[in-house]
Structure formats: C-alpha cells, structure tokens
C-alpha cells in the first residue's frame, strides 16, 4: 500500500476539494451528488452502504442519453459508522483513491451521528494536506 506521507513529501499537490454528504436515504444522497457532477471533471464518490435502487450514480457508456461524459469513480463501502469502526474501511478506501487524486471527492454517509468527529479526523494528518474539506451537503 502506498504511504501517503511519502507521497506528500515527494511533491506538493493541491488538496482535493471534498464534501461530506448526509441525508436519511441513499437515493437522496446520491441524487444530490449527481446534481453537482460536471462533465469532464474527474470525481471520486465514496458511498457508504447499499443503494436503495435506481441510483443516480450509475453511468453506462453503452446506453444512449446516459451522461457518460461524467468521469466519476463510484466506490461503495460497507455500511456502519465510519467513526466507530476506527475509520479503517474509509482510510483504506481514501488511500487508494488518493493515489491518483480526483479533481473532486464526495463521501456519502449513511448516518450523520458522528459527522463532526469524522470531519475532525479528516482534518488531521495526513489528510489535512490532501483534502480541502468543503461545507457539508445535506440531502
């Protein structure tokens, strides 16, 4: 696994604008993210939990009228409080995403219970130099 501290030391790069997205339903969170995507802007989207069907973040290049121009890397991780699980799943996923940093990053949370603690964790090393946390999005 790539050492993020070595990556940061090797060369300065602009932090990735990152939004934490909360809301009571997966579909609402995913629709809120989809509405913010811009054509040609590479984005990574980390979704906690399963979709509740008909996700707005499913892009199929083979179907006409599908927004294939969106360069979105959609990653689903197991549901569960990202803070209470010691951030392990999120840490591994973030480290993989940040090897080739996207222009934007969205993290969809199934529960906002520990949102401030998660924001605090993402504001600490090494993510403080890799991520530029933006205002939260409530779907």
C-alpha atoms as a PDB file:
ATOM      1  CA  UNK A   1       0.000   0.000   0.000  1.00  0.00           C
ATOM      2  CA  UNK A   2       1.262   3.461  -0.880  1.00  0.00           C
ATOM      3  CA  UNK A   3       2.499   5.539   2.040  1.00  0.00           C
ATOM      4  CA  UNK A   4       0.582   8.816   1.854  1.00  0.00           C
ATOM      5  CA  UNK A   5       3.208  10.615   3.914  1.00  0.00           C
ATOM      6  CA  UNK A   6       5.831   9.689   1.291  1.00  0.00           C
ATOM      7  CA  UNK A   7       3.504  10.897  -1.453  1.00  0.00           C
ATOM      8  CA  UNK A   8       3.028  14.237   0.276  1.00  0.00           C
ATOM      9  CA  UNK A   9       6.783  14.596   0.873  1.00  0.00           C
ATOM     10  CA  UNK A  10       7.603  13.732  -2.759  1.00  0.00           C
ATOM     11  CA  UNK A  11       5.827  16.754  -4.144  1.00  0.00           C
ATOM     12  CA  UNK A  12       3.267  19.305  -3.183  1.00  0.00           C
ATOM     13  CA  UNK A  13      -0.094  18.992  -4.855  1.00  0.00           C
ATOM     14  CA  UNK A  14      -3.288  20.866  -4.433  1.00  0.00           C
ATOM     15  CA  UNK A  15      -5.639  19.347  -1.866  1.00  0.00           C
ATOM     16  CA  UNK A  16      -8.730  17.655  -3.301  1.00  0.00           C
ATOM     17  CA  UNK A  17     -11.972  19.572  -2.639  1.00  0.00           C
ATOM     18  CA  UNK A  18     -14.013  17.137  -0.528  1.00  0.00           C
ATOM     19  CA  UNK A  19     -17.658  17.183   0.505  1.00  0.00           C
ATOM     20  CA  UNK A  20     -19.335  15.060   3.194  1.00  0.00           C
ATOM     21  CA  UNK A  21     -22.891  14.262   2.135  1.00  0.00           C
ATOM     22  CA  UNK A  22     -25.580  13.317   4.653  1.00  0.00           C
ATOM     23  CA  UNK A  23     -29.259  12.528   4.435  1.00  0.00           C
ATOM     24  CA  UNK A  24     -31.816   9.963   5.545  1.00  0.00           C
ATOM     25  CA  UNK A  25     -31.897   7.950   2.286  1.00  0.00           C
ATOM     26  CA  UNK A  26     -29.141   6.680  -0.005  1.00  0.00           C
ATOM     27  CA  UNK A  27     -31.110   7.717  -3.083  1.00  0.00           C
ATOM     28  CA  UNK A  28     -31.380  11.317  -1.885  1.00  0.00           C
ATOM     29  CA  UNK A  29     -27.663  11.494  -1.089  1.00  0.00           C
ATOM     30  CA  UNK A  30     -26.743  10.006  -4.462  1.00  0.00           C
ATOM     31  CA  UNK A  31     -29.078  12.379  -6.331  1.00  0.00           C
ATOM     32  CA  UNK A  32     -27.540  15.353  -4.502  1.00  0.00           C
ATOM     33  CA  UNK A  33     -24.059  14.248  -5.574  1.00  0.00           C
ATOM     34  CA  UNK A  34     -25.141  13.530  -9.164  1.00  0.00           C
ATOM     35  CA  UNK A  35     -26.562  17.064  -9.417  1.00  0.00           C
ATOM     36  CA  UNK A  36     -23.112  18.501  -8.565  1.00  0.00           C
ATOM     37  CA  UNK A  37     -21.080  16.483 -11.072  1.00  0.00           C
ATOM     38  CA  UNK A  38     -19.697  18.415 -14.005  1.00  0.00           C
ATOM     39  CA  UNK A  39     -18.799  16.945 -17.406  1.00  0.00           C
ATOM     40  CA  UNK A  40     -15.073  16.364 -17.782  1.00  0.00           C
ATOM     41  CA  UNK A  41     -14.278  16.908 -14.088  1.00  0.00           C
ATOM     42  CA  UNK A  42     -12.852  13.668 -12.652  1.00  0.00           C
ATOM     43  CA  UNK A  43     -14.637  12.882  -9.397  1.00  0.00           C
ATOM     44  CA  UNK A  44     -14.433  10.077  -6.874  1.00  0.00           C
ATOM     45  CA  UNK A  45     -17.538   9.196  -4.902  1.00  0.00           C
ATOM     46  CA  UNK A  46     -17.372   7.026  -1.794  1.00  0.00           C
ATOM     47  CA  UNK A  47     -20.810   5.746  -0.848  1.00  0.00           C
ATOM     48  CA  UNK A  48     -21.418   4.111   2.499  1.00  0.00           C
ATOM     49  CA  UNK A  49     -23.945   1.288   2.280  1.00  0.00           C
ATOM     50  CA  UNK A  50     -26.153  -0.078  -0.447  1.00  0.00           C
ATOM     51  CA  UNK A  51     -28.215   1.904  -2.899  1.00  0.00           C
ATOM     52  CA  UNK A  52     -31.946   1.967  -2.314  1.00  0.00           C
ATOM     53  CA  UNK A  53     -32.459   1.234  -6.030  1.00  0.00           C
ATOM     54  CA  UNK A  54     -32.326   3.367  -9.146  1.00  0.00           C
ATOM     55  CA  UNK A  55     -29.126   5.183  -8.191  1.00  0.00           C
ATOM     56  CA  UNK A  56     -28.488   8.476  -9.960  1.00  0.00           C
ATOM     57  CA  UNK A  57     -24.810   7.498  -9.956  1.00  0.00           C
ATOM     58  CA  UNK A  58     -24.995   4.578 -12.379  1.00  0.00           C
ATOM     59  CA  UNK A  59     -23.392   5.538 -15.669  1.00  0.00           C
ATOM     60  CA  UNK A  60     -23.453   3.164 -18.621  1.00  0.00           C
ATOM     61  CA  UNK A  61     -21.434   4.133 -21.681  1.00  0.00           C
ATOM     62  CA  UNK A  62     -23.438   1.714 -23.832  1.00  0.00           C
ATOM     63  CA  UNK A  63     -26.849   3.303 -23.314  1.00  0.00           C
ATOM     64  CA  UNK A  64     -27.922   6.372 -25.273  1.00  0.00           C
ATOM     65  CA  UNK A  65     -28.829   9.519 -23.337  1.00  0.00           C
ATOM     66  CA  UNK A  66     -26.663   8.407 -20.416  1.00  0.00           C
ATOM     67  CA  UNK A  67     -24.307  11.055 -19.005  1.00  0.00           C
ATOM     68  CA  UNK A  68     -21.162   9.104 -19.950  1.00  0.00           C
ATOM     69  CA  UNK A  69     -19.241  12.389 -20.110  1.00  0.00           C
ATOM     70  CA  UNK A  70     -19.034  12.294 -16.306  1.00  0.00           C
ATOM     71  CA  UNK A  71     -15.706  10.923 -15.178  1.00  0.00           C
ATOM     72  CA  UNK A  72     -16.947   9.516 -11.877  1.00  0.00           C
ATOM     73  CA  UNK A  73     -15.303   6.714  -9.930  1.00  0.00           C
ATOM     74  CA  UNK A  74     -18.105   5.355  -7.707  1.00  0.00           C
ATOM     75  CA  UNK A  75     -16.951   3.212  -4.771  1.00  0.00           C
ATOM     76  CA  UNK A  76     -19.337   1.538  -2.339  1.00  0.00           C
ATOM     77  CA  UNK A  77     -18.161   0.547   1.122  1.00  0.00           C
ATOM     78  CA  UNK A  78     -19.885  -1.488   3.824  1.00  0.00           C
ATOM     79  CA  UNK A  79     -22.419   0.346   5.967  1.00  0.00           C
ATOM     80  CA  UNK A  80     -21.570   1.125   9.566  1.00  0.00           C
ATOM     81  CA  UNK A  81     -20.426   4.175  11.451  1.00  0.00           C
ATOM     82  CA  UNK A  82     -17.185   5.215   9.785  1.00  0.00           C
ATOM     83  CA  UNK A  83     -16.009   6.822  13.004  1.00  0.00           C
ATOM     84  CA  UNK A  84     -16.884   3.939  15.346  1.00  0.00           C
ATOM     85  CA  UNK A  85     -15.203   1.363  13.108  1.00  0.00           C
ATOM     86  CA  UNK A  86     -11.897   3.131  13.677  1.00  0.00           C
ATOM     87  CA  UNK A  87     -12.044   4.629  10.185  1.00  0.00           C
ATOM     88  CA  UNK A  88     -10.249   1.542   8.820  1.00  0.00           C
ATOM     89  CA  UNK A  89     -12.505   0.965   5.814  1.00  0.00           C
ATOM     90  CA  UNK A  90     -12.579   4.652   4.961  1.00  0.00           C
ATOM     91  CA  UNK A  91      -8.807   5.008   5.485  1.00  0.00           C
ATOM     92  CA  UNK A  92      -8.019   2.149   3.073  1.00  0.00           C
ATOM     93  CA  UNK A  93     -10.508   3.438   0.501  1.00  0.00           C
ATOM     94  CA  UNK A  94      -9.244   7.029   0.761  1.00  0.00           C
ATOM     95  CA  UNK A  95      -5.637   5.930   0.430  1.00  0.00           C
ATOM     96  CA  UNK A  96      -6.498   4.046  -2.757  1.00  0.00           C
ATOM     97  CA  UNK A  97      -8.452   6.969  -4.205  1.00  0.00           C
ATOM     98  CA  UNK A  98      -5.720   9.472  -3.366  1.00  0.00           C
ATOM     99  CA  UNK A  99      -3.021   7.512  -5.193  1.00  0.00           C
ATOM    100  CA  UNK A 100      -4.464   9.143  -8.322  1.00  0.00           C
ATOM    101  CA  UNK A 101      -6.291  12.111  -6.843  1.00  0.00           C
ATOM    102  CA  UNK A 102      -9.533  13.151  -8.500  1.00  0.00           C
ATOM    103  CA  UNK A 103     -10.467  16.779  -9.077  1.00  0.00           C
ATOM    104  CA  UNK A 104     -13.316  16.365  -6.558  1.00  0.00           C
ATOM    105  CA  UNK A 105     -14.247  13.894  -3.855  1.00  0.00           C
ATOM    106  CA  UNK A 106     -17.656  13.204  -2.340  1.00  0.00           C
ATOM    107  CA  UNK A 107     -18.158  10.972   0.718  1.00  0.00           C
ATOM    108  CA  UNK A 108     -21.752   9.905   1.347  1.00  0.00           C
ATOM    109  CA  UNK A 109     -22.521   8.920   4.946  1.00  0.00           C
ATOM    110  CA  UNK A 110     -25.395   6.659   5.965  1.00  0.00           C
ATOM    111  CA  UNK A 111     -25.552   8.385   9.346  1.00  0.00           C
ATOM    112  CA  UNK A 112     -24.592  11.890  10.419  1.00  0.00           C
ATOM    113  CA  UNK A 113     -24.365  10.850  14.076  1.00  0.00           C
ATOM    114  CA  UNK A 114     -20.588  11.342  14.278  1.00  0.00           C
ATOM    115  CA  UNK A 115     -20.195  13.782  11.398  1.00  0.00           C
ATOM    116  CA  UNK A 116     -18.140  16.280  13.409  1.00  0.00           C
ATOM    117  CA  UNK A 117     -15.782  13.568  14.689  1.00  0.00           C
ATOM    118  CA  UNK A 118     -15.283  12.283  11.145  1.00  0.00           C
ATOM    119  CA  UNK A 119     -14.657  15.825   9.890  1.00  0.00           C
ATOM    120  CA  UNK A 120     -12.101  16.277  12.684  1.00  0.00           C
ATOM    121  CA  UNK A 121     -10.343  13.025  11.702  1.00  0.00           C
ATOM    122  CA  UNK A 122     -10.214  14.085   8.042  1.00  0.00           C
ATOM    123  CA  UNK A 123      -8.752  17.439   9.145  1.00  0.00           C
ATOM    124  CA  UNK A 124      -5.781  15.712  10.787  1.00  0.00           C
ATOM    125  CA  UNK A 125      -2.569  14.342   9.289  1.00  0.00           C
ATOM    126  CA  UNK A 126      -2.074  13.150   6.613  1.00  0.00           C
ATOM    127  CA  UNK A 127      -5.459  14.129   5.170  1.00  0.00           C
ATOM    128  CA  UNK A 128      -5.150  17.785   6.219  1.00  0.00           C
ATOM    129  CA  UNK A 129      -2.718  18.328   3.324  1.00  0.00           C
ATOM    130  CA  UNK A 130      -4.501  16.013   0.882  1.00  0.00           C
ATOM    131  CA  UNK A 131      -8.124  17.098   1.309  1.00  0.00           C
ATOM    132  CA  UNK A 132      -9.772  20.514   1.287  1.00  0.00           C
ATOM    133  CA  UNK A 133     -12.965  19.941   3.258  1.00  0.00           C
ATOM    134  CA  UNK A 134     -15.904  21.910   1.903  1.00  0.00           C
ATOM    135  CA  UNK A 135     -19.234  22.709   3.608  1.00  0.00           C
ATOM    136  CA  UNK A 136     -21.326  19.590   4.243  1.00  0.00           C
ATOM    137  CA  UNK A 137     -24.178  18.752   1.888  1.00  0.00           C
ATOM    138  CA  UNK A 138     -27.475  17.761   3.500  1.00  0.00           C
ATOM    139  CA  UNK A 139     -29.660  15.797   1.075  1.00  0.00           C
END
